[in-house]
């Protein structure tokens, strides 16, 4: 009898921890993915957002570095070379500063 009481009390205490989380509608809570401070409903959306952010960083690096080289008086070859290096730097910075690696 004593073992039955202990077993039922342990089961009663453990049942909330074992219960699945449920949404207000009664179904399971959907998986959410986060990157860049935004939440996405699917993994595909989240991965597309990360890729877009990397692409934007690449373009921004190229434009900023190219404009800086042109303003400082570089010829076309130097400006193109510096813009390429800026694009590479922007891409690497975007990869390295990913705050949320959840998706």
PDB file of N, CA and C in Angstrom:
ATOM      1  N   UNK A   1       0.825  -1.188   0.000  1.00  0.00           N
ATOM      2  CA  UNK A   1       0.000   0.000   0.000  1.00  0.00           C
ATOM      3  C   UNK A   1       0.876   1.261   0.000  1.00  0.00           C
ATOM      4  N   UNK A   2       1.933   1.221   0.796  1.00  0.00           N
ATOM      5  CA  UNK A   2       2.820   2.379   0.892  1.00  0.00           C
ATOM      6  C   UNK A   2       3.466   2.685  -0.457  1.00  0.00           C
ATOM      7  N   UNK A   3       3.884   1.641  -1.195  1.00  0.00           N
ATOM      8  CA  UNK A   3       4.503   1.826  -2.505  1.00  0.00           C
ATOM      9  C   UNK A   3       3.510   2.412  -3.510  1.00  0.00           C
ATOM     10  N   UNK A   4       2.263   2.025  -3.397  1.00  0.00           N
ATOM     11  CA  UNK A   4       1.231   2.548  -4.286  1.00  0.00           C
ATOM     12  C   UNK A   4       1.024   4.040  -4.062  1.00  0.00           C
ATOM     13  N   UNK A   5       1.055   4.471  -2.821  1.00  0.00           N
ATOM     14  CA  UNK A   5       0.899   5.894  -2.498  1.00  0.00           C
ATOM     15  C   UNK A   5       2.090   6.691  -3.032  1.00  0.00           C
ATOM     16  N   UNK A   6       3.287   6.168  -2.850  1.00  0.00           N
ATOM     17  CA  UNK A   6       4.481   6.853  -3.348  1.00  0.00           C
ATOM     18  C   UNK A   6       4.443   6.932  -4.865  1.00  0.00           C
ATOM     19  N   UNK A   7       4.071   5.837  -5.501  1.00  0.00           N
ATOM     20  CA  UNK A   7       4.013   5.803  -6.962  1.00  0.00           C
ATOM     21  C   UNK A   7       2.982   6.790  -7.502  1.00  0.00           C
ATOM     22  N   UNK A   8       1.817   6.862  -6.926  1.00  0.00           N
ATOM     23  CA  UNK A   8       0.793   7.789  -7.399  1.00  0.00           C
ATOM     24  C   UNK A   8       1.196   9.239  -7.159  1.00  0.00           C
ATOM     25  N   UNK A   9       1.871   9.508  -6.038  1.00  0.00           N
ATOM     26  CA  UNK A   9       2.296  10.889  -5.782  1.00  0.00           C
ATOM     27  C   UNK A   9       3.399  11.301  -6.756  1.00  0.00           C
ATOM     28  N   UNK A  10       4.300  10.402  -7.082  1.00  0.00           N
ATOM     29  CA  UNK A  10       5.351  10.709  -8.065  1.00  0.00           C
ATOM     30  C   UNK A  10       4.726  10.940  -9.438  1.00  0.00           C
ATOM     31  N   UNK A  11       3.780  10.127  -9.813  1.00  0.00           N
ATOM     32  CA  UNK A  11       3.111  10.286 -11.116  1.00  0.00           C
ATOM     33  C   UNK A  11       2.339  11.601 -11.169  1.00  0.00           C
ATOM     34  N   UNK A  12       1.730  11.976 -10.089  1.00  0.00           N
ATOM     35  CA  UNK A  12       0.968  13.225 -10.056  1.00  0.00           C
ATOM     36  C   UNK A  12       1.888  14.428 -10.181  1.00  0.00           C
ATOM     37  N   UNK A  13       3.056  14.363  -9.559  1.00  0.00           N
ATOM     38  CA  UNK A  13       4.009  15.468  -9.655  1.00  0.00           C
ATOM     39  C   UNK A  13       4.686  15.525 -11.020  1.00  0.00           C
ATOM     40  N   UNK A  14       4.884  14.380 -11.648  1.00  0.00           N
ATOM     41  CA  UNK A  14       5.588  14.326 -12.927  1.00  0.00           C
ATOM     42  C   UNK A  14       4.675  14.591 -14.117  1.00  0.00           C
ATOM     43  N   UNK A  15       3.380  14.436 -13.961  1.00  0.00           N
ATOM     44  CA  UNK A  15       2.474  14.565 -15.108  1.00  0.00           C
ATOM     45  C   UNK A  15       2.493  15.953 -15.759  1.00  0.00           C
ATOM     46  N   UNK A  16       2.576  17.069 -15.033  1.00  0.00           N
ATOM     47  CA  UNK A  16       2.665  18.353 -15.734  1.00  0.00           C
ATOM     48  C   UNK A  16       3.947  18.489 -16.552  1.00  0.00           C
ATOM     49  N   UNK A  17       5.023  17.909 -16.064  1.00  0.00           N
ATOM     50  CA  UNK A  17       6.283  17.985 -16.806  1.00  0.00           C
ATOM     51  C   UNK A  17       6.241  17.113 -18.046  1.00  0.00           C
ATOM     52  N   UNK A  18       5.489  16.033 -18.010  1.00  0.00           N
ATOM     53  CA  UNK A  18       5.417  15.130 -19.149  1.00  0.00           C
ATOM     54  C   UNK A  18       4.355  15.542 -20.162  1.00  0.00           C
ATOM     55  N   UNK A  19       3.456  16.414 -19.765  1.00  0.00           N
ATOM     56  CA  UNK A  19       2.384  16.829 -20.670  1.00  0.00           C
ATOM     57  C   UNK A  19       2.943  17.683 -21.790  1.00  0.00           C
ATOM     58  N   UNK A  20       2.404  17.505 -22.997  1.00  0.00           N
ATOM     59  CA  UNK A  20       2.828  18.307 -24.145  1.00  0.00           C
ATOM     60  C   UNK A  20       2.266  19.707 -24.034  1.00  0.00           C
ATOM     61  N   UNK A  21       3.029  20.670 -24.543  1.00  0.00           N
ATOM     62  CA  UNK A  21       2.488  22.023 -24.598  1.00  0.00           C
ATOM     63  C   UNK A  21       1.391  22.049 -25.648  1.00  0.00           C
ATOM     64  N   UNK A  22       0.360  22.778 -25.373  1.00  0.00           N
ATOM     65  CA  UNK A  22      -0.753  22.870 -26.311  1.00  0.00           C
ATOM     66  C   UNK A  22      -1.020  24.325 -26.644  1.00  0.00           C
ATOM     67  N   UNK A  23      -1.415  24.551 -27.881  1.00  0.00           N
ATOM     68  CA  UNK A  23      -1.819  25.883 -28.311  1.00  0.00           C
ATOM     69  C   UNK A  23      -3.209  26.160 -27.750  1.00  0.00           C
ATOM     70  N   UNK A  24      -3.660  27.421 -27.756  1.00  0.00           N
ATOM     71  CA  UNK A  24      -4.993  27.728 -27.249  1.00  0.00           C
ATOM     72  C   UNK A  24      -6.098  26.952 -27.961  1.00  0.00           C
ATOM     73  N   UNK A  25      -5.880  26.568 -29.213  1.00  0.00           N
ATOM     74  CA  UNK A  25      -6.902  25.819 -29.940  1.00  0.00           C
ATOM     75  C   UNK A  25      -6.929  24.352 -29.544  1.00  0.00           C
ATOM     76  N   UNK A  26      -5.959  23.920 -28.740  1.00  0.00           N
ATOM     77  CA  UNK A  26      -5.947  22.537 -28.290  1.00  0.00           C
ATOM     78  C   UNK A  26      -4.919  21.688 -29.011  1.00  0.00           C
ATOM     79  N   UNK A  27      -4.381  22.143 -30.136  1.00  0.00           N
ATOM     80  CA  UNK A  27      -3.377  21.393 -30.879  1.00  0.00           C
ATOM     81  C   UNK A  27      -1.991  21.651 -30.317  1.00  0.00           C
ATOM     82  N   UNK A  28      -0.986  20.945 -30.833  1.00  0.00           N
ATOM     83  CA  UNK A  28       0.374  21.172 -30.350  1.00  0.00           C
ATOM     84  C   UNK A  28       0.884  22.550 -30.769  1.00  0.00           C
ATOM     85  N   UNK A  29       1.796  23.107 -29.997  1.00  0.00           N
ATOM     86  CA  UNK A  29       2.374  24.418 -30.291  1.00  0.00           C
ATOM     87  C   UNK A  29       3.279  24.282 -31.509  1.00  0.00           C
ATOM     88  N   UNK A  30       3.101  25.122 -32.536  1.00  0.00           N
ATOM     89  CA  UNK A  30       3.939  24.990 -33.727  1.00  0.00           C
ATOM     90  C   UNK A  30       5.383  25.411 -33.439  1.00  0.00           C
ATOM     91  N   UNK A  31       6.317  24.796 -34.163  1.00  0.00           N
ATOM     92  CA  UNK A  31       7.734  25.138 -34.025  1.00  0.00           C
ATOM     93  C   UNK A  31       7.974  26.499 -34.660  1.00  0.00           C
ATOM     94  N   UNK A  32       8.647  27.385 -33.940  1.00  0.00           N
ATOM     95  CA  UNK A  32       8.977  28.713 -34.461  1.00  0.00           C
ATOM     96  C   UNK A  32      10.488  28.815 -34.585  1.00  0.00           C
ATOM     97  N   UNK A  33      10.938  29.496 -35.642  1.00  0.00           N
ATOM     98  CA  UNK A  33      12.364  29.678 -35.896  1.00  0.00           C
ATOM     99  C   UNK A  33      12.665  31.162 -35.835  1.00  0.00           C
ATOM    100  N   UNK A  34      13.853  31.494 -35.313  1.00  0.00           N
ATOM    101  CA  UNK A  34      14.180  32.898 -35.123  1.00  0.00           C
ATOM    102  C   UNK A  34      15.556  33.193 -35.694  1.00  0.00           C
ATOM    103  N   UNK A  35      15.668  34.321 -36.380  1.00  0.00           N
ATOM    104  CA  UNK A  35      16.950  34.843 -36.830  1.00  0.00           C
ATOM    105  C   UNK A  35      16.827  36.347 -37.005  1.00  0.00           C
ATOM    106  N   UNK A  36      17.853  37.049 -36.648  1.00  0.00           N
ATOM    107  CA  UNK A  36      17.858  38.498 -36.813  1.00  0.00           C
ATOM    108  C   UNK A  36      16.782  39.220 -36.025  1.00  0.00           C
ATOM    109  N   UNK A  37      16.315  38.647 -34.940  1.00  0.00           N
ATOM    110  CA  UNK A  37      15.293  39.286 -34.125  1.00  0.00           C
ATOM    111  C   UNK A  37      13.874  39.108 -34.642  1.00  0.00           C
ATOM    112  N   UNK A  38      13.698  38.327 -35.708  1.00  0.00           N
ATOM    113  CA  UNK A  38      12.358  38.066 -36.249  1.00  0.00           C
ATOM    114  C   UNK A  38      12.051  36.587 -36.136  1.00  0.00           C
ATOM    115  N   UNK A  39      10.771  36.278 -36.014  1.00  0.00           N
ATOM    116  CA  UNK A  39      10.327  34.903 -35.857  1.00  0.00           C
ATOM    117  C   UNK A  39       9.647  34.438 -37.129  1.00  0.00           C
ATOM    118  N   UNK A  40       9.936  33.208 -37.524  1.00  0.00           N
ATOM    119  CA  UNK A  40       9.373  32.629 -38.746  1.00  0.00           C
ATOM    120  C   UNK A  40       8.681  31.317 -38.418  1.00  0.00           C
ATOM    121  N   UNK A  41       7.627  31.017 -39.171  1.00  0.00           N
ATOM    122  CA  UNK A  41       6.814  29.833 -38.902  1.00  0.00           C
ATOM    123  C   UNK A  41       7.443  28.562 -39.470  1.00  0.00           C
ATOM    124  N   UNK A  42       8.286  28.686 -40.502  1.00  0.00           N
ATOM    125  CA  UNK A  42       8.882  27.495 -41.088  1.00  0.00           C
ATOM    126  C   UNK A  42      10.390  27.662 -41.213  1.00  0.00           C
ATOM    127  N   UNK A  43      11.060  26.540 -41.300  1.00  0.00           N
ATOM    128  CA  UNK A  43      12.510  26.545 -41.433  1.00  0.00           C
ATOM    129  C   UNK A  43      12.922  27.158 -42.766  1.00  0.00           C
ATOM    130  N   UNK A  44      12.154  26.901 -43.818  1.00  0.00           N
ATOM    131  CA  UNK A  44      12.478  27.463 -45.133  1.00  0.00           C
ATOM    132  C   UNK A  44      12.449  28.989 -45.117  1.00  0.00           C
ATOM    133  N   UNK A  45      11.435  29.573 -44.493  1.00  0.00           N
ATOM    134  CA  UNK A  45      11.349  31.032 -44.400  1.00  0.00           C
ATOM    135  C   UNK A  45      12.553  31.599 -43.652  1.00  0.00           C
ATOM    136  N   UNK A  46      12.919  30.938 -42.577  1.00  0.00           N
ATOM    137  CA  UNK A  46      14.033  31.402 -41.757  1.00  0.00           C
ATOM    138  C   UNK A  46      15.348  31.334 -42.536  1.00  0.00           C
ATOM    139  N   UNK A  47      15.574  30.247 -43.245  1.00  0.00           N
ATOM    140  CA  UNK A  47      16.796  30.108 -44.033  1.00  0.00           C
ATOM    141  C   UNK A  47      16.852  31.119 -45.170  1.00  0.00           C
ATOM    142  N   UNK A  48      15.701  31.402 -45.793  1.00  0.00           N
ATOM    143  CA  UNK A  48      15.659  32.428 -46.854  1.00  0.00           C
ATOM    144  C   UNK A  48      15.995  33.792 -46.287  1.00  0.00           C
ATOM    145  N   UNK A  49      15.508  34.095 -45.094  1.00  0.00           N
ATOM    146  CA  UNK A  49      15.802  35.389 -44.467  1.00  0.00           C
ATOM    147  C   UNK A  49      17.292  35.516 -44.152  1.00  0.00           C
ATOM    148  N   UNK A  50      17.915  34.434 -43.686  1.00  0.00           N
ATOM    149  CA  UNK A  50      19.351  34.476 -43.417  1.00  0.00           C
ATOM    150  C   UNK A  50      20.141  34.679 -44.702  1.00  0.00           C
ATOM    151  N   UNK A  51      19.709  34.014 -45.775  1.00  0.00           N
ATOM    152  CA  UNK A  51      20.415  34.164 -47.053  1.00  0.00           C
ATOM    153  C   UNK A  51      20.260  35.577 -47.589  1.00  0.00           C
ATOM    154  N   UNK A  52      19.064  36.146 -47.447  1.00  0.00           N
ATOM    155  CA  UNK A  52      18.834  37.534 -47.882  1.00  0.00           C
ATOM    156  C   UNK A  52      19.724  38.502 -47.117  1.00  0.00           C
ATOM    157  N   UNK A  53      19.875  38.271 -45.825  1.00  0.00           N
ATOM    158  CA  UNK A  53      20.713  39.148 -45.003  1.00  0.00           C
ATOM    159  C   UNK A  53      22.170  39.074 -45.441  1.00  0.00           C
ATOM    160  N   UNK A  54      22.646  37.871 -45.757  1.00  0.00           N
ATOM    161  CA  UNK A  54      24.022  37.731 -46.234  1.00  0.00           C
ATOM    162  C   UNK A  54      24.207  38.422 -47.582  1.00  0.00           C
ATOM    163  N   UNK A  55      23.214  38.296 -48.458  1.00  0.00           N
ATOM    164  CA  UNK A  55      23.294  38.937 -49.769  1.00  0.00           C
ATOM    165  C   UNK A  55      23.300  40.456 -49.622  1.00  0.00           C
ATOM    166  N   UNK A  56      22.462  40.977 -48.748  1.00  0.00           N
ATOM    167  CA  UNK A  56      22.440  42.427 -48.521  1.00  0.00           C
ATOM    168  C   UNK A  56      23.774  42.918 -47.970  1.00  0.00           C
ATOM    169  N   UNK A  57      24.383  42.154 -47.090  1.00  0.00           N
ATOM    170  CA  UNK A  57      25.678  42.541 -46.535  1.00  0.00           C
ATOM    171  C   UNK A  57      26.757  42.532 -47.614  1.00  0.00           C
ATOM    172  N   UNK A  58      26.691  41.572 -48.522  1.00  0.00           N
ATOM    173  CA  UNK A  58      27.653  41.505 -49.623  1.00  0.00           C
ATOM    174  C   UNK A  58      27.525  42.720 -50.518  1.00  0.00           C
ATOM    175  N   UNK A  59      26.313  43.067 -50.884  1.00  0.00           N
ATOM    176  CA  UNK A  59      26.073  44.223 -51.760  1.00  0.00           C
ATOM    177  C   UNK A  59      26.477  45.508 -51.055  1.00  0.00           C
ATOM    178  N   UNK A  60      26.123  45.633 -49.788  1.00  0.00           N
ATOM    179  CA  UNK A  60      26.486  46.850 -49.048  1.00  0.00           C
ATOM    180  C   UNK A  60      27.996  47.002 -48.953  1.00  0.00           C
ATOM    181  N   UNK A  61      28.712  45.910 -48.703  1.00  0.00           N
ATOM    182  CA  UNK A  61      30.168  45.975 -48.642  1.00  0.00           C
ATOM    183  C   UNK A  61      30.768  46.405 -49.961  1.00  0.00           C
ATOM    184  N   UNK A  62      30.254  45.877 -51.065  1.00  0.00           N
ATOM    185  CA  UNK A  62      30.770  46.245 -52.386  1.00  0.00           C
ATOM    186  C   UNK A  62      30.498  47.708 -52.693  1.00  0.00           C
ATOM    187  N   UNK A  63      29.303  48.168 -52.427  1.00  0.00           N
ATOM    188  CA  UNK A  63      28.933  49.558 -52.743  1.00  0.00           C
ATOM    189  C   UNK A  63      29.731  50.537 -51.879  1.00  0.00           C
ATOM    190  N   UNK A  64      29.819  50.274 -50.605  1.00  0.00           N
ATOM    191  CA  UNK A  64      30.518  51.199 -49.712  1.00  0.00           C
ATOM    192  C   UNK A  64      32.006  51.253 -50.046  1.00  0.00           C
ATOM    193  N   UNK A  65      32.626  50.095 -50.240  1.00  0.00           N
ATOM    194  CA  UNK A  65      34.053  50.074 -50.551  1.00  0.00           C
ATOM    195  C   UNK A  65      34.326  50.676 -51.929  1.00  0.00           C
ATOM    196  N   UNK A  66      33.482  50.360 -52.908  1.00  0.00           N
ATOM    197  CA  UNK A  66      33.664  50.921 -54.248  1.00  0.00           C
ATOM    198  C   UNK A  66      33.491  52.424 -54.276  1.00  0.00           C
ATOM    199  N   UNK A  67      32.509  52.920 -53.572  1.00  0.00           N
ATOM    200  CA  UNK A  67      32.283  54.363 -53.523  1.00  0.00           C
ATOM    201  C   UNK A  67      33.441  55.059 -52.806  1.00  0.00           C
ATOM    202  N   UNK A  68      33.931  54.450 -51.746  1.00  0.00           N
ATOM    203  CA  UNK A  68      35.071  55.026 -51.029  1.00  0.00           C
ATOM    204  C   UNK A  68      36.305  55.091 -51.901  1.00  0.00           C
ATOM    205  N   UNK A  69      36.560  54.031 -52.670  1.00  0.00           N
ATOM    206  CA  UNK A  69      37.731  54.022 -53.554  1.00  0.00           C
ATOM    207  C   UNK A  69      37.581  55.053 -54.667  1.00  0.00           C
ATOM    208  N   UNK A  70      36.369  55.196 -55.193  1.00  0.00           N
ATOM    209  CA  UNK A  70      36.145  56.172 -56.264  1.00  0.00           C
ATOM    210  C   UNK A  70      36.309  57.598 -55.741  1.00  0.00           C
ATOM    211  N   UNK A  71      35.812  57.864 -54.556  1.00  0.00           N
ATOM    212  CA  UNK A  71      35.924  59.201 -53.969  1.00  0.00           C
ATOM    213  C   UNK A  71      37.386  59.537 -53.671  1.00  0.00           C
ATOM    214  N   UNK A  72      38.152  58.548 -53.268  1.00  0.00           N
ATOM    215  CA  UNK A  72      39.549  58.780 -52.946  1.00  0.00           C
ATOM    216  C   UNK A  72      40.454  58.853 -54.179  1.00  0.00           C
ATOM    217  N   UNK A  73      39.859  58.710 -55.359  1.00  0.00           N
ATOM    218  CA  UNK A  73      40.617  58.929 -56.585  1.00  0.00           C
ATOM    219  C   UNK A  73      41.189  57.692 -57.227  1.00  0.00           C
ATOM    220  N   UNK A  74      40.668  56.536 -56.936  1.00  0.00           N
ATOM    221  CA  UNK A  74      41.160  55.313 -57.564  1.00  0.00           C
ATOM    222  C   UNK A  74      40.681  55.205 -58.998  1.00  0.00           C
ATOM    223  N   UNK A  75      41.481  54.533 -59.847  1.00  0.00           N
ATOM    224  CA  UNK A  75      41.028  54.319 -61.222  1.00  0.00           C
ATOM    225  C   UNK A  75      40.019  53.169 -61.237  1.00  0.00           C
ATOM    226  N   UNK A  76      39.563  52.786 -62.403  1.00  0.00           N
ATOM    227  CA  UNK A  76      38.498  51.779 -62.511  1.00  0.00           C
ATOM    228  C   UNK A  76      38.957  50.435 -61.958  1.00  0.00           C
ATOM    229  N   UNK A  77      40.162  50.031 -62.272  1.00  0.00           N
ATOM    230  CA  UNK A  77      40.671  48.744 -61.792  1.00  0.00           C
ATOM    231  C   UNK A  77      40.798  48.704 -60.281  1.00  0.00           C
ATOM    232  N   UNK A  78      41.339  49.751 -59.709  1.00  0.00           N
ATOM    233  CA  UNK A  78      41.482  49.806 -58.255  1.00  0.00           C
ATOM    234  C   UNK A  78      40.126  49.827 -57.569  1.00  0.00           C
ATOM    235  N   UNK A  79      39.207  50.591 -58.142  1.00  0.00           N
ATOM    236  CA  UNK A  79      37.858  50.676 -57.560  1.00  0.00           C
ATOM    237  C   UNK A  79      37.172  49.320 -57.599  1.00  0.00           C
ATOM    238  N   UNK A  80      37.305  48.595 -58.722  1.00  0.00           N
ATOM    239  CA  UNK A  80      36.692  47.271 -58.837  1.00  0.00           C
ATOM    240  C   UNK A  80      37.319  46.293 -57.848  1.00  0.00           C
ATOM    241  N   UNK A  81      38.643  46.370 -57.695  1.00  0.00           N
ATOM    242  CA  UNK A  81      39.330  45.483 -56.764  1.00  0.00           C
ATOM    243  C   UNK A  81      38.898  45.753 -55.323  1.00  0.00           C
ATOM    244  N   UNK A  82      38.823  47.015 -54.965  1.00  0.00           N
ATOM    245  CA  UNK A  82      38.406  47.379 -53.607  1.00  0.00           C
ATOM    246  C   UNK A  82      36.941  47.002 -53.382  1.00  0.00           C
ATOM    247  N   UNK A  83      36.096  47.166 -54.388  1.00  0.00           N
ATOM    248  CA  UNK A  83      34.684  46.784 -54.260  1.00  0.00           C
ATOM    249  C   UNK A  83      34.552  45.278 -54.051  1.00  0.00           C
ATOM    250  N   UNK A  84      35.370  44.499 -54.759  1.00  0.00           N
ATOM    251  CA  UNK A  84      35.351  43.043 -54.570  1.00  0.00           C
ATOM    252  C   UNK A  84      35.785  42.657 -53.171  1.00  0.00           C
ATOM    253  N   UNK A  85      36.828  43.319 -52.680  1.00  0.00           N
ATOM    254  CA  UNK A  85      37.280  43.046 -51.312  1.00  0.00           C
ATOM    255  C   UNK A  85      36.214  43.459 -50.301  1.00  0.00           C
ATOM    256  N   UNK A  86      35.531  44.556 -50.565  1.00  0.00           N
ATOM    257  CA  UNK A  86      34.449  44.993 -49.677  1.00  0.00           C
ATOM    258  C   UNK A  86      33.294  44.010 -49.656  1.00  0.00           C
ATOM    259  N   UNK A  87      32.995  43.438 -50.834  1.00  0.00           N
ATOM    260  CA  UNK A  87      31.928  42.444 -50.902  1.00  0.00           C
ATOM    261  C   UNK A  87      32.298  41.207 -50.092  1.00  0.00           C
ATOM    262  N   UNK A  88      33.534  40.770 -50.228  1.00  0.00           N
ATOM    263  CA  UNK A  88      33.993  39.615 -49.473  1.00  0.00           C
ATOM    264  C   UNK A  88      33.964  39.904 -47.975  1.00  0.00           C
ATOM    265  N   UNK A  89      34.413  41.079 -47.596  1.00  0.00           N
ATOM    266  CA  UNK A  89      34.399  41.450 -46.179  1.00  0.00           C
ATOM    267  C   UNK A  89      32.973  41.523 -45.635  1.00  0.00           C
ATOM    268  N   UNK A  90      32.057  42.100 -46.405  1.00  0.00           N
ATOM    269  CA  UNK A  90      30.657  42.174 -45.970  1.00  0.00           C
ATOM    270  C   UNK A  90      30.049  40.804 -45.771  1.00  0.00           C
ATOM    271  N   UNK A  91      30.357  39.883 -46.678  1.00  0.00           N
ATOM    272  CA  UNK A  91      29.833  38.525 -46.584  1.00  0.00           C
ATOM    273  C   UNK A  91      30.377  37.812 -45.340  1.00  0.00           C
ATOM    274  N   UNK A  92      31.677  37.944 -45.108  1.00  0.00           N
ATOM    275  CA  UNK A  92      32.282  37.282 -43.950  1.00  0.00           C
ATOM    276  C   UNK A  92      31.786  37.881 -42.635  1.00  0.00           C
ATOM    277  N   UNK A  93      31.599  39.187 -42.611  1.00  0.00           N
ATOM    278  CA  UNK A  93      31.068  39.823 -41.401  1.00  0.00           C
ATOM    279  C   UNK A  93      29.647  39.346 -41.136  1.00  0.00           C
ATOM    280  N   UNK A  94      28.849  39.215 -42.191  1.00  0.00           N
ATOM    281  CA  UNK A  94      27.471  38.731 -42.022  1.00  0.00           C
ATOM    282  C   UNK A  94      27.453  37.309 -41.491  1.00  0.00           C
ATOM    283  N   UNK A  95      28.366  36.480 -41.928  1.00  0.00           N
ATOM    284  CA  UNK A  95      28.427  35.108 -41.420  1.00  0.00           C
ATOM    285  C   UNK A  95      28.844  35.073 -39.958  1.00  0.00           C
ATOM    286  N   UNK A  96      29.832  35.904 -39.610  1.00  0.00           N
ATOM    287  CA  UNK A  96      30.409  35.853 -38.272  1.00  0.00           C
ATOM    288  C   UNK A  96      29.528  36.490 -37.209  1.00  0.00           C
ATOM    289  N   UNK A  97      28.699  37.451 -37.564  1.00  0.00           N
ATOM    290  CA  UNK A  97      27.909  38.162 -36.561  1.00  0.00           C
ATOM    291  C   UNK A  97      26.480  37.662 -36.467  1.00  0.00           C
ATOM    292  N   UNK A  98      26.237  36.435 -36.848  1.00  0.00           N
ATOM    293  CA  UNK A  98      24.904  35.862 -36.738  1.00  0.00           C
ATOM    294  C   UNK A  98      24.595  35.657 -35.264  1.00  0.00           C
ATOM    295  N   UNK A  99      23.666  36.424 -34.722  1.00  0.00           N
ATOM    296  CA  UNK A  99      23.347  36.353 -33.292  1.00  0.00           C
ATOM    297  C   UNK A  99      22.516  35.134 -32.963  1.00  0.00           C
ATOM    298  N   UNK A 100      21.554  34.811 -33.806  1.00  0.00           N
ATOM    299  CA  UNK A 100      20.644  33.698 -33.527  1.00  0.00           C
ATOM    300  C   UNK A 100      20.914  32.573 -34.498  1.00  0.00           C
ATOM    301  N   UNK A 101      21.424  31.482 -33.989  1.00  0.00           N
ATOM    302  CA  UNK A 101      21.736  30.349 -34.854  1.00  0.00           C
ATOM    303  C   UNK A 101      20.669  29.278 -34.696  1.00  0.00           C
ATOM    304  N   UNK A 102      19.431  29.691 -34.566  1.00  0.00           N
ATOM    305  CA  UNK A 102      18.367  28.725 -34.349  1.00  0.00           C
ATOM    306  C   UNK A 102      17.830  28.119 -35.635  1.00  0.00           C
ATOM    307  N   UNK A 103      18.114  28.733 -36.752  1.00  0.00           N
ATOM    308  CA  UNK A 103      17.635  28.122 -37.992  1.00  0.00           C
ATOM    309  C   UNK A 103      18.766  27.929 -38.953  1.00  0.00           C
TER     310      UNK A 103
END
